[in-house]
């Protein structure tokens, strides 16, 4: 196994309306309400089966929240540099974006975005705010430079401006 990795782990940008702990709290309150309904005798009517249906919905909701926000199945969001491709995966339920080196016309590396300009005119912007950590950012920038040099892809790099 090589010591260096070409996969850069991304942390999802917090752009959901309800934060992770809020979603978990909603699920736990929903679970408590459903369990109270199941365990109480007031629900012993013809509609008692609805408590079990809502229990299943609650468990599915909690599972969905955990899978989307916690690395239950490993790294879900990453940017990877393979020998001939750049692969971007933005989450568990989202498809991979694969950029072949022979189809890339130019790369534009800015402090907050990596723009991949393809030969067919398409431009893809990859949000770099999800790359956390100084060492990880330096490793990412170095991998972009190596990829561009290896495949003779023009790289336009804009360095961050110093705060005055």
C-alpha atoms as a PDB file:
ATOM      1  CA  UNK A   1       0.000   0.000   0.000  1.00  0.00           C
ATOM      2  CA  UNK A   2       1.489   3.389  -0.943  1.00  0.00           C
ATOM      3  CA  UNK A   3       2.296   5.756   1.883  1.00  0.00           C
ATOM      4  CA  UNK A   4       0.874   8.813   0.135  1.00  0.00           C
ATOM      5  CA  UNK A   5      -2.792   9.007  -0.694  1.00  0.00           C
ATOM      6  CA  UNK A   6      -4.381  10.733  -3.642  1.00  0.00           C
ATOM      7  CA  UNK A   7      -7.766  11.066  -1.954  1.00  0.00           C
ATOM      8  CA  UNK A   8      -8.616  14.329  -0.216  1.00  0.00           C
ATOM      9  CA  UNK A   9     -11.455  13.959   2.282  1.00  0.00           C
ATOM     10  CA  UNK A  10     -14.060  16.708   2.145  1.00  0.00           C
ATOM     11  CA  UNK A  11     -16.270  17.814   4.966  1.00  0.00           C
ATOM     12  CA  UNK A  12     -19.752  18.739   3.858  1.00  0.00           C
ATOM     13  CA  UNK A  13     -20.514  22.426   3.904  1.00  0.00           C
ATOM     14  CA  UNK A  14     -23.054  23.228   6.587  1.00  0.00           C
ATOM     15  CA  UNK A  15     -25.760  24.512   4.297  1.00  0.00           C
ATOM     16  CA  UNK A  16     -28.762  22.610   5.655  1.00  0.00           C
ATOM     17  CA  UNK A  17     -31.498  24.602   7.330  1.00  0.00           C
ATOM     18  CA  UNK A  18     -31.525  22.392  10.426  1.00  0.00           C
ATOM     19  CA  UNK A  19     -28.115  21.444  11.897  1.00  0.00           C
ATOM     20  CA  UNK A  20     -27.120  17.835  12.528  1.00  0.00           C
ATOM     21  CA  UNK A  21     -27.894  17.868  16.256  1.00  0.00           C
ATOM     22  CA  UNK A  22     -31.250  19.508  15.550  1.00  0.00           C
ATOM     23  CA  UNK A  23     -32.130  16.722  13.112  1.00  0.00           C
ATOM     24  CA  UNK A  24     -31.090  14.115  15.687  1.00  0.00           C
ATOM     25  CA  UNK A  25     -33.175  15.868  18.380  1.00  0.00           C
ATOM     26  CA  UNK A  26     -36.231  15.882  16.086  1.00  0.00           C
ATOM     27  CA  UNK A  27     -35.732  12.163  15.452  1.00  0.00           C
ATOM     28  CA  UNK A  28     -35.308  11.371  19.149  1.00  0.00           C
ATOM     29  CA  UNK A  29     -38.430  13.351  20.104  1.00  0.00           C
ATOM     30  CA  UNK A  30     -40.343  11.612  17.321  1.00  0.00           C
ATOM     31  CA  UNK A  31     -39.055   8.245  18.570  1.00  0.00           C
ATOM     32  CA  UNK A  32     -40.071   9.045  22.170  1.00  0.00           C
ATOM     33  CA  UNK A  33     -43.542  10.116  21.044  1.00  0.00           C
ATOM     34  CA  UNK A  34     -44.051   6.937  19.001  1.00  0.00           C
ATOM     35  CA  UNK A  35     -42.757   4.685  21.780  1.00  0.00           C
ATOM     36  CA  UNK A  36     -45.038   6.414  24.283  1.00  0.00           C
ATOM     37  CA  UNK A  37     -47.969   5.805  21.927  1.00  0.00           C
ATOM     38  CA  UNK A  38     -47.060   2.132  21.552  1.00  0.00           C
ATOM     39  CA  UNK A  39     -46.569   1.546  25.278  1.00  0.00           C
ATOM     40  CA  UNK A  40     -49.701   3.392  26.395  1.00  0.00           C
ATOM     41  CA  UNK A  41     -53.064   1.631  26.420  1.00  0.00           C
ATOM     42  CA  UNK A  42     -54.857   4.548  24.806  1.00  0.00           C
ATOM     43  CA  UNK A  43     -53.748   3.398  21.356  1.00  0.00           C
ATOM     44  CA  UNK A  44     -55.368  -0.035  21.575  1.00  0.00           C
ATOM     45  CA  UNK A  45     -57.811   0.691  18.783  1.00  0.00           C
ATOM     46  CA  UNK A  46     -58.055  -0.332  15.160  1.00  0.00           C
ATOM     47  CA  UNK A  47     -55.396   2.268  14.295  1.00  0.00           C
ATOM     48  CA  UNK A  48     -52.735   0.883  16.659  1.00  0.00           C
ATOM     49  CA  UNK A  49     -50.756  -0.389  13.640  1.00  0.00           C
ATOM     50  CA  UNK A  50     -50.055   3.239  12.684  1.00  0.00           C
ATOM     51  CA  UNK A  51     -47.755   3.510  15.699  1.00  0.00           C
ATOM     52  CA  UNK A  52     -45.634   0.727  14.229  1.00  0.00           C
ATOM     53  CA  UNK A  53     -45.641   2.395  10.812  1.00  0.00           C
ATOM     54  CA  UNK A  54     -44.470   5.667  12.369  1.00  0.00           C
ATOM     55  CA  UNK A  55     -41.824   3.750  14.344  1.00  0.00           C
ATOM     56  CA  UNK A  56     -40.412   2.405  11.074  1.00  0.00           C
ATOM     57  CA  UNK A  57     -40.496   5.908   9.549  1.00  0.00           C
ATOM     58  CA  UNK A  58     -38.687   7.277  12.618  1.00  0.00           C
ATOM     59  CA  UNK A  59     -35.938   4.678  12.416  1.00  0.00           C
ATOM     60  CA  UNK A  60     -35.532   5.278   8.666  1.00  0.00           C
ATOM     61  CA  UNK A  61     -35.303   9.039   9.282  1.00  0.00           C
ATOM     62  CA  UNK A  62     -32.691   8.638  12.026  1.00  0.00           C
ATOM     63  CA  UNK A  63     -30.712   6.248   9.825  1.00  0.00           C
ATOM     64  CA  UNK A  64     -30.837   8.706   6.912  1.00  0.00           C
ATOM     65  CA  UNK A  65     -29.619  11.572   9.104  1.00  0.00           C
ATOM     66  CA  UNK A  66     -26.755   9.490  10.497  1.00  0.00           C
ATOM     67  CA  UNK A  67     -25.677   8.172   7.096  1.00  0.00           C
ATOM     68  CA  UNK A  68     -25.699  11.656   5.546  1.00  0.00           C
ATOM     69  CA  UNK A  69     -23.864  13.413   8.372  1.00  0.00           C
ATOM     70  CA  UNK A  70     -21.580  10.843   9.986  1.00  0.00           C
ATOM     71  CA  UNK A  71     -18.942   8.707   8.260  1.00  0.00           C
ATOM     72  CA  UNK A  72     -20.852   5.470   8.896  1.00  0.00           C
ATOM     73  CA  UNK A  73     -19.740   3.828   5.640  1.00  0.00           C
ATOM     74  CA  UNK A  74     -16.310   5.465   5.380  1.00  0.00           C
ATOM     75  CA  UNK A  75     -15.393   8.637   3.532  1.00  0.00           C
ATOM     76  CA  UNK A  76     -18.435   9.863   1.629  1.00  0.00           C
ATOM     77  CA  UNK A  77     -17.204  13.165   0.254  1.00  0.00           C
ATOM     78  CA  UNK A  78     -13.805  13.253  -1.388  1.00  0.00           C
ATOM     79  CA  UNK A  79     -11.728  14.579  -4.245  1.00  0.00           C
ATOM     80  CA  UNK A  80      -9.329  12.004  -5.698  1.00  0.00           C
ATOM     81  CA  UNK A  81      -6.500  12.267  -8.199  1.00  0.00           C
ATOM     82  CA  UNK A  82      -6.083   8.989 -10.086  1.00  0.00           C
ATOM     83  CA  UNK A  83      -3.515   8.428 -12.878  1.00  0.00           C
ATOM     84  CA  UNK A  84      -5.778   9.800 -15.629  1.00  0.00           C
ATOM     85  CA  UNK A  85      -8.801  11.267 -13.853  1.00  0.00           C
ATOM     86  CA  UNK A  86      -9.991  13.685 -11.221  1.00  0.00           C
ATOM     87  CA  UNK A  87     -12.872  12.134  -9.278  1.00  0.00           C
ATOM     88  CA  UNK A  88     -15.228  14.246  -7.155  1.00  0.00           C
ATOM     89  CA  UNK A  89     -17.770  12.569  -4.857  1.00  0.00           C
ATOM     90  CA  UNK A  90     -20.007  14.979  -2.986  1.00  0.00           C
ATOM     91  CA  UNK A  91     -21.804  12.604  -0.640  1.00  0.00           C
ATOM     92  CA  UNK A  92     -23.225   9.133  -0.185  1.00  0.00           C
ATOM     93  CA  UNK A  93     -26.370   9.559  -2.263  1.00  0.00           C
ATOM     94  CA  UNK A  94     -24.779  11.701  -4.967  1.00  0.00           C
ATOM     95  CA  UNK A  95     -23.093  10.403  -8.124  1.00  0.00           C
ATOM     96  CA  UNK A  96     -19.372  10.722  -8.778  1.00  0.00           C
ATOM     97  CA  UNK A  97     -18.130  13.399 -11.138  1.00  0.00           C
ATOM     98  CA  UNK A  98     -15.258  12.026 -13.206  1.00  0.00           C
ATOM     99  CA  UNK A  99     -13.039  14.352 -15.225  1.00  0.00           C
ATOM    100  CA  UNK A 100     -10.703  12.573 -17.669  1.00  0.00           C
ATOM    101  CA  UNK A 101      -7.349  14.264 -18.179  1.00  0.00           C
ATOM    102  CA  UNK A 102      -7.666  14.166 -21.976  1.00  0.00           C
ATOM    103  CA  UNK A 103     -10.979  16.068 -21.774  1.00  0.00           C
ATOM    104  CA  UNK A 104      -9.690  18.838 -19.497  1.00  0.00           C
ATOM    105  CA  UNK A 105      -8.755  22.034 -21.347  1.00  0.00           C
ATOM    106  CA  UNK A 106      -7.610  24.008 -18.277  1.00  0.00           C
ATOM    107  CA  UNK A 107      -7.617  24.046 -14.492  1.00  0.00           C
ATOM    108  CA  UNK A 108      -8.146  27.224 -12.517  1.00  0.00           C
ATOM    109  CA  UNK A 109      -7.154  27.013  -8.853  1.00  0.00           C
ATOM    110  CA  UNK A 110      -8.489  29.812  -6.692  1.00  0.00           C
ATOM    111  CA  UNK A 111      -8.547  29.980  -2.874  1.00  0.00           C
ATOM    112  CA  UNK A 112     -12.175  28.827  -2.617  1.00  0.00           C
ATOM    113  CA  UNK A 113     -12.832  26.979  -5.882  1.00  0.00           C
ATOM    114  CA  UNK A 114     -11.221  24.653  -8.399  1.00  0.00           C
ATOM    115  CA  UNK A 115     -12.621  25.267 -11.863  1.00  0.00           C
ATOM    116  CA  UNK A 116     -12.326  22.434 -14.348  1.00  0.00           C
ATOM    117  CA  UNK A 117     -12.736  23.729 -17.891  1.00  0.00           C
ATOM    118  CA  UNK A 118     -13.384  20.905 -20.334  1.00  0.00           C
ATOM    119  CA  UNK A 119     -12.647  20.869 -24.055  1.00  0.00           C
ATOM    120  CA  UNK A 120     -16.356  20.748 -24.917  1.00  0.00           C
ATOM    121  CA  UNK A 121     -16.862  24.133 -23.196  1.00  0.00           C
ATOM    122  CA  UNK A 122     -18.359  22.854 -19.925  1.00  0.00           C
ATOM    123  CA  UNK A 123     -17.046  24.437 -16.724  1.00  0.00           C
ATOM    124  CA  UNK A 124     -17.334  22.642 -13.384  1.00  0.00           C
ATOM    125  CA  UNK A 125     -16.672  24.471 -10.131  1.00  0.00           C
ATOM    126  CA  UNK A 126     -15.623  22.370  -7.166  1.00  0.00           C
ATOM    127  CA  UNK A 127     -16.078  24.068  -3.790  1.00  0.00           C
ATOM    128  CA  UNK A 128     -12.806  24.017  -1.871  1.00  0.00           C
ATOM    129  CA  UNK A 129     -14.265  25.350   1.352  1.00  0.00           C
ATOM    130  CA  UNK A 130     -14.987  21.725   2.167  1.00  0.00           C
ATOM    131  CA  UNK A 131     -11.247  20.976   2.310  1.00  0.00           C
ATOM    132  CA  UNK A 132     -10.468  21.458   6.011  1.00  0.00           C
ATOM    133  CA  UNK A 133      -7.058  21.685   7.592  1.00  0.00           C
ATOM    134  CA  UNK A 134      -3.881  23.460   6.568  1.00  0.00           C
ATOM    135  CA  UNK A 135      -1.950  20.271   5.763  1.00  0.00           C
ATOM    136  CA  UNK A 136      -4.813  18.881   3.705  1.00  0.00           C
ATOM    137  CA  UNK A 137      -5.099  22.131   1.727  1.00  0.00           C
ATOM    138  CA  UNK A 138      -1.367  22.125   0.984  1.00  0.00           C
ATOM    139  CA  UNK A 139      -1.529  18.478  -0.078  1.00  0.00           C
ATOM    140  CA  UNK A 140      -4.503  19.255  -2.323  1.00  0.00           C
ATOM    141  CA  UNK A 141      -2.764  22.174  -4.030  1.00  0.00           C
ATOM    142  CA  UNK A 142       0.347  20.060  -4.611  1.00  0.00           C
ATOM    143  CA  UNK A 143      -1.720  17.247  -6.132  1.00  0.00           C
ATOM    144  CA  UNK A 144      -3.434  19.694  -8.495  1.00  0.00           C
ATOM    145  CA  UNK A 145      -0.030  21.005  -9.600  1.00  0.00           C
ATOM    146  CA  UNK A 146       1.312  17.465 -10.127  1.00  0.00           C
ATOM    147  CA  UNK A 147      -1.790  16.409 -12.065  1.00  0.00           C
ATOM    148  CA  UNK A 148      -1.584  19.469 -14.330  1.00  0.00           C
ATOM    149  CA  UNK A 149       2.144  18.975 -14.956  1.00  0.00           C
ATOM    150  CA  UNK A 150       1.811  15.245 -15.595  1.00  0.00           C
ATOM    151  CA  UNK A 151      -0.997  15.649 -18.159  1.00  0.00           C
ATOM    152  CA  UNK A 152       0.147  18.968 -19.677  1.00  0.00           C
ATOM    153  CA  UNK A 153      -3.025  20.740 -18.585  1.00  0.00           C
ATOM    154  CA  UNK A 154      -2.734  24.538 -18.298  1.00  0.00           C
ATOM    155  CA  UNK A 155      -3.028  25.559 -14.661  1.00  0.00           C
ATOM    156  CA  UNK A 156      -3.956  29.084 -13.692  1.00  0.00           C
ATOM    157  CA  UNK A 157      -3.317  29.529 -10.000  1.00  0.00           C
ATOM    158  CA  UNK A 158      -4.602  32.544  -8.106  1.00  0.00           C
ATOM    159  CA  UNK A 159      -2.989  32.879  -4.702  1.00  0.00           C
ATOM    160  CA  UNK A 160      -5.010  34.270  -1.805  1.00  0.00           C
ATOM    161  CA  UNK A 161      -4.497  37.968  -1.178  1.00  0.00           C
ATOM    162  CA  UNK A 162      -2.934  39.012   2.094  1.00  0.00           C
ATOM    163  CA  UNK A 163      -5.190  40.816   4.539  1.00  0.00           C
ATOM    164  CA  UNK A 164      -4.271  44.461   4.910  1.00  0.00           C
END
